[in-house]
Amino acid sequence: MNTIIVLFYVLMILWFVSELFYKKTLLSKATDYKEQGFSVNILWTVFMVSIFSAVTVSHIISNPIYQSITLSYFALILIFASILARYFIIRALGRFFTVDVSIKDNHSIKKDGFYRFIRHPSYLFSLITFLSLGLFLNNCISLIVIIVPTFLAYSYRIKIEENLLQEKLGNEYKSYMKTTKKLIPFIY
């Protein structure tokens, strides 16, 4: 097995283990105010189906994005950087980060770091991981198959989260929304 494939598998295992760790350890407490839906389960279902589908498509249909190994190395760097960035963003949010949508007592809005520009940086870096996987597969169709469903799933999750934050934090969160973008700095 060549080096780039080994690196890819190592990074995908690192991503999967880190996300599983977050899912198992960063749950809200019984006393937290939380959504009654299942957005975390929807996200995980979309993740797994999208990854499986994108990999399958890349093996069945040849539709390269770029004819060079450079794209694969670039994708690996992006995967590693986005996993690391997401880890630090989750740590920076501290006790306010949970995998299920919830609001804690004395919840405050983080407005420094990436949060100065966007309201959901951990979702952004998760999406970059998926984008990078699509780039690594070097298949236009795989890229669409992986990024569109994950973007839509995160959009749904963001809607739920922002409704809850507006409901519980009121004008403070509405003011914060006016000064930041949802997901992509200066754009969206």
Protein backbone atom coordinates (compact mmCIF):
# COMPACT_ATOMS: atom_id res chain seq x y z
CA MET A 1 0.00 0.00 0.00
CA ASN A 2 1.50 3.36 -0.91
CA THR A 3 2.20 6.13 1.59
CA ILE A 4 -0.57 8.50 0.54
CA ILE A 5 -3.24 5.82 1.00
CA VAL A 6 -1.86 4.93 4.45
CA LEU A 7 -1.90 8.62 5.44
CA PHE A 8 -5.46 8.90 4.19
CA TYR A 9 -6.62 5.91 6.26
CA VAL A 10 -4.79 7.19 9.34
CA LEU A 11 -6.47 10.60 9.01
CA MET A 12 -9.90 9.09 8.41
CA ILE A 13 -9.49 6.90 11.51
CA LEU A 14 -8.36 9.98 13.47
CA TRP A 15 -11.43 11.89 12.24
CA PHE A 16 -13.82 9.04 13.02
CA VAL A 17 -12.38 8.39 16.50
CA SER A 18 -12.40 12.11 17.37
CA GLU A 19 -16.01 12.52 16.25
CA LEU A 20 -17.04 9.37 18.10
CA PHE A 21 -15.25 10.67 21.20
CA TYR A 22 -17.15 13.97 20.96
CA LYS A 23 -20.44 12.12 20.43
CA LYS A 24 -19.90 9.95 23.51
CA THR A 25 -18.38 12.48 25.92
CA LEU A 26 -19.78 15.90 25.06
CA LEU A 27 -23.46 15.33 25.68
CA SER A 28 -25.69 17.84 27.39
CA LYS A 29 -26.70 17.35 31.01
CA ALA A 30 -30.23 16.51 32.13
CA THR A 31 -30.60 20.04 33.52
CA ASP A 32 -29.72 21.75 30.20
CA TYR A 33 -32.41 23.18 27.97
CA LYS A 34 -32.22 21.19 24.74
CA GLU A 35 -33.86 20.50 21.43
CA GLN A 36 -36.38 17.73 21.33
CA GLY A 37 -35.31 16.55 17.87
CA PHE A 38 -32.65 14.15 16.74
CA SER A 39 -30.32 16.40 14.76
CA VAL A 40 -27.19 14.61 16.01
CA ASN A 41 -28.54 11.30 14.71
CA ILE A 42 -29.49 12.92 11.41
CA LEU A 43 -25.95 14.30 11.09
CA TRP A 44 -24.34 10.92 11.76
CA THR A 45 -26.65 9.15 9.32
CA VAL A 46 -25.90 11.72 6.61
CA PHE A 47 -22.15 11.49 7.35
CA MET A 48 -22.00 7.72 7.01
CA VAL A 49 -24.27 7.49 3.96
CA SER A 50 -22.43 10.34 2.20
CA ILE A 51 -18.98 8.89 2.86
CA PHE A 52 -20.03 5.40 1.76
CA SER A 53 -21.74 6.76 -1.35
CA ALA A 54 -18.85 9.06 -2.32
CA VAL A 55 -16.27 6.29 -1.97
CA THR A 56 -18.48 3.87 -3.90
CA VAL A 57 -19.03 6.38 -6.71
CA SER A 58 -15.28 7.06 -6.92
CA HIS A 59 -14.68 3.34 -7.54
CA ILE A 60 -17.47 2.97 -10.10
CA ILE A 61 -17.28 6.19 -12.13
CA SER A 62 -14.08 7.89 -13.28
CA ASN A 63 -14.63 11.65 -13.28
CA PRO A 64 -11.39 13.26 -12.06
CA ILE A 65 -11.24 16.79 -10.73
CA TYR A 66 -7.53 17.20 -11.44
CA GLN A 67 -4.90 15.00 -13.09
CA SER A 68 -2.17 15.18 -10.43
CA ILE A 69 -1.23 13.60 -7.11
CA THR A 70 -0.85 17.17 -5.78
CA LEU A 71 -4.60 17.35 -5.18
CA SER A 72 -4.44 14.28 -2.93
CA TYR A 73 -1.64 15.76 -0.83
CA PHE A 74 -3.49 19.06 -0.60
CA ALA A 75 -6.62 17.20 0.53
CA LEU A 76 -4.67 15.32 3.22
CA ILE A 77 -3.26 18.60 4.57
CA LEU A 78 -6.77 20.08 4.64
CA ILE A 79 -8.19 17.01 6.40
CA PHE A 80 -5.53 17.18 9.12
CA ALA A 81 -5.83 20.97 9.52
CA SER A 82 -9.63 20.85 9.76
CA ILE A 83 -9.60 18.03 12.34
CA LEU A 84 -7.09 20.01 14.41
CA ALA A 85 -8.96 23.31 14.05
CA ARG A 86 -12.25 21.67 15.05
CA TYR A 87 -10.59 20.18 18.14
CA PHE A 88 -9.28 23.59 19.25
CA ILE A 89 -12.61 25.30 18.55
CA ILE A 90 -14.45 22.71 20.64
CA ARG A 91 -11.92 23.18 23.46
CA ALA A 92 -12.27 26.97 23.25
CA LEU A 93 -16.05 26.72 23.60
CA GLY A 94 -15.51 24.58 26.68
CA ARG A 95 -18.56 23.50 28.66
CA PHE A 96 -20.89 25.22 26.19
CA PHE A 97 -20.06 22.72 23.43
CA THR A 98 -22.31 19.66 23.29
CA VAL A 99 -23.03 17.33 20.41
CA ASP A 100 -26.73 17.66 21.02
CA VAL A 101 -28.21 21.14 20.70
CA SER A 102 -28.55 22.54 24.20
CA ILE A 103 -28.32 25.70 26.28
CA LYS A 104 -26.73 25.61 29.70
CA ASP A 105 -27.55 27.70 32.75
CA ASN A 106 -25.55 30.93 32.60
CA HIS A 107 -24.88 30.28 28.90
CA SER A 108 -22.82 33.02 27.30
CA ILE A 109 -22.00 33.79 23.69
CA LYS A 110 -18.39 33.30 22.68
CA LYS A 111 -17.34 36.25 20.55
CA ASP A 112 -13.58 35.89 20.20
CA GLY A 113 -11.36 33.78 17.98
CA PHE A 114 -13.21 32.35 14.99
CA TYR A 115 -16.47 33.34 16.68
CA ARG A 116 -15.73 37.00 15.83
CA PHE A 117 -16.45 36.17 12.20
CA ILE A 118 -18.77 33.16 12.14
CA ARG A 119 -21.25 31.63 14.53
CA HIS A 120 -20.52 27.97 13.76
CA PRO A 121 -16.79 27.44 13.18
CA SER A 122 -16.79 23.81 14.33
CA TYR A 123 -19.36 23.04 11.63
CA LEU A 124 -17.28 24.92 9.06
CA PHE A 125 -14.21 22.81 9.82
CA SER A 126 -16.26 19.63 9.78
CA LEU A 127 -17.52 20.60 6.32
CA ILE A 128 -13.94 21.29 5.24
CA THR A 129 -13.08 17.74 6.30
CA PHE A 130 -15.85 16.41 4.05
CA LEU A 131 -14.81 18.71 1.20
CA SER A 132 -11.25 17.44 1.60
CA LEU A 133 -12.40 13.84 1.48
CA GLY A 134 -14.20 14.61 -1.78
CA LEU A 135 -11.04 16.24 -3.14
CA PHE A 136 -8.93 13.27 -2.06
CA LEU A 137 -11.25 10.91 -3.93
CA ASN A 138 -10.54 13.11 -6.98
CA ASN A 139 -13.98 12.60 -8.44
CA CYS A 140 -16.41 15.41 -9.30
CA ILE A 141 -19.48 13.30 -8.60
CA SER A 142 -18.08 12.02 -5.29
CA LEU A 143 -17.36 15.59 -4.26
CA ILE A 144 -21.00 16.56 -4.88
CA VAL A 145 -22.31 13.37 -3.23
CA ILE A 146 -20.37 14.09 -0.05
CA ILE A 147 -20.60 17.88 0.28
CA VAL A 148 -24.22 18.61 -0.67
CA PRO A 149 -25.92 16.28 1.86
CA THR A 150 -23.52 17.23 4.68
CA PHE A 151 -24.03 20.93 3.97
CA LEU A 152 -27.81 20.47 4.00
CA ALA A 153 -27.64 18.45 7.24
CA TYR A 154 -25.53 21.14 8.91
CA SER A 155 -27.89 23.85 7.59
CA TYR A 156 -30.78 22.03 9.27
CA ARG A 157 -28.75 21.70 12.48
CA ILE A 158 -27.79 25.38 12.42
CA LYS A 159 -31.43 26.39 12.01
CA ILE A 160 -32.41 24.35 15.07
CA GLU A 161 -29.47 25.65 17.09
CA GLU A 162 -30.02 29.29 16.20
CA ASN A 163 -33.74 29.09 16.97
CA LEU A 164 -32.91 27.70 20.41
CA LEU A 165 -30.21 30.32 21.03
CA GLN A 166 -32.58 33.15 20.03
CA GLU A 167 -35.30 31.71 22.23
CA LYS A 168 -33.08 31.43 25.31
CA LEU A 169 -30.60 34.29 24.84
CA GLY A 170 -32.94 36.72 23.10
CA ASN A 171 -31.66 40.08 21.87
CA GLU A 172 -28.06 39.36 22.80
CA TYR A 173 -27.93 36.50 20.30
CA LYS A 174 -29.92 38.43 17.69
CA SER A 175 -27.39 41.27 17.94
CA TYR A 176 -24.53 38.78 17.59
CA MET A 177 -26.21 37.37 14.47
CA LYS A 178 -26.19 40.83 12.89
CA THR A 179 -22.42 41.18 13.27
CA THR A 180 -21.35 37.70 12.12
CA LYS A 181 -21.96 35.23 9.34
CA LYS A 182 -23.30 31.71 9.90
CA LEU A 183 -20.64 29.54 8.40
CA ILE A 184 -18.30 31.20 5.91
CA PRO A 185 -16.50 34.37 6.99
CA PHE A 186 -17.72 37.53 5.20
CA ILE A 187 -19.96 35.46 2.85
CA TYR A 188 -22.60 33.24 4.48
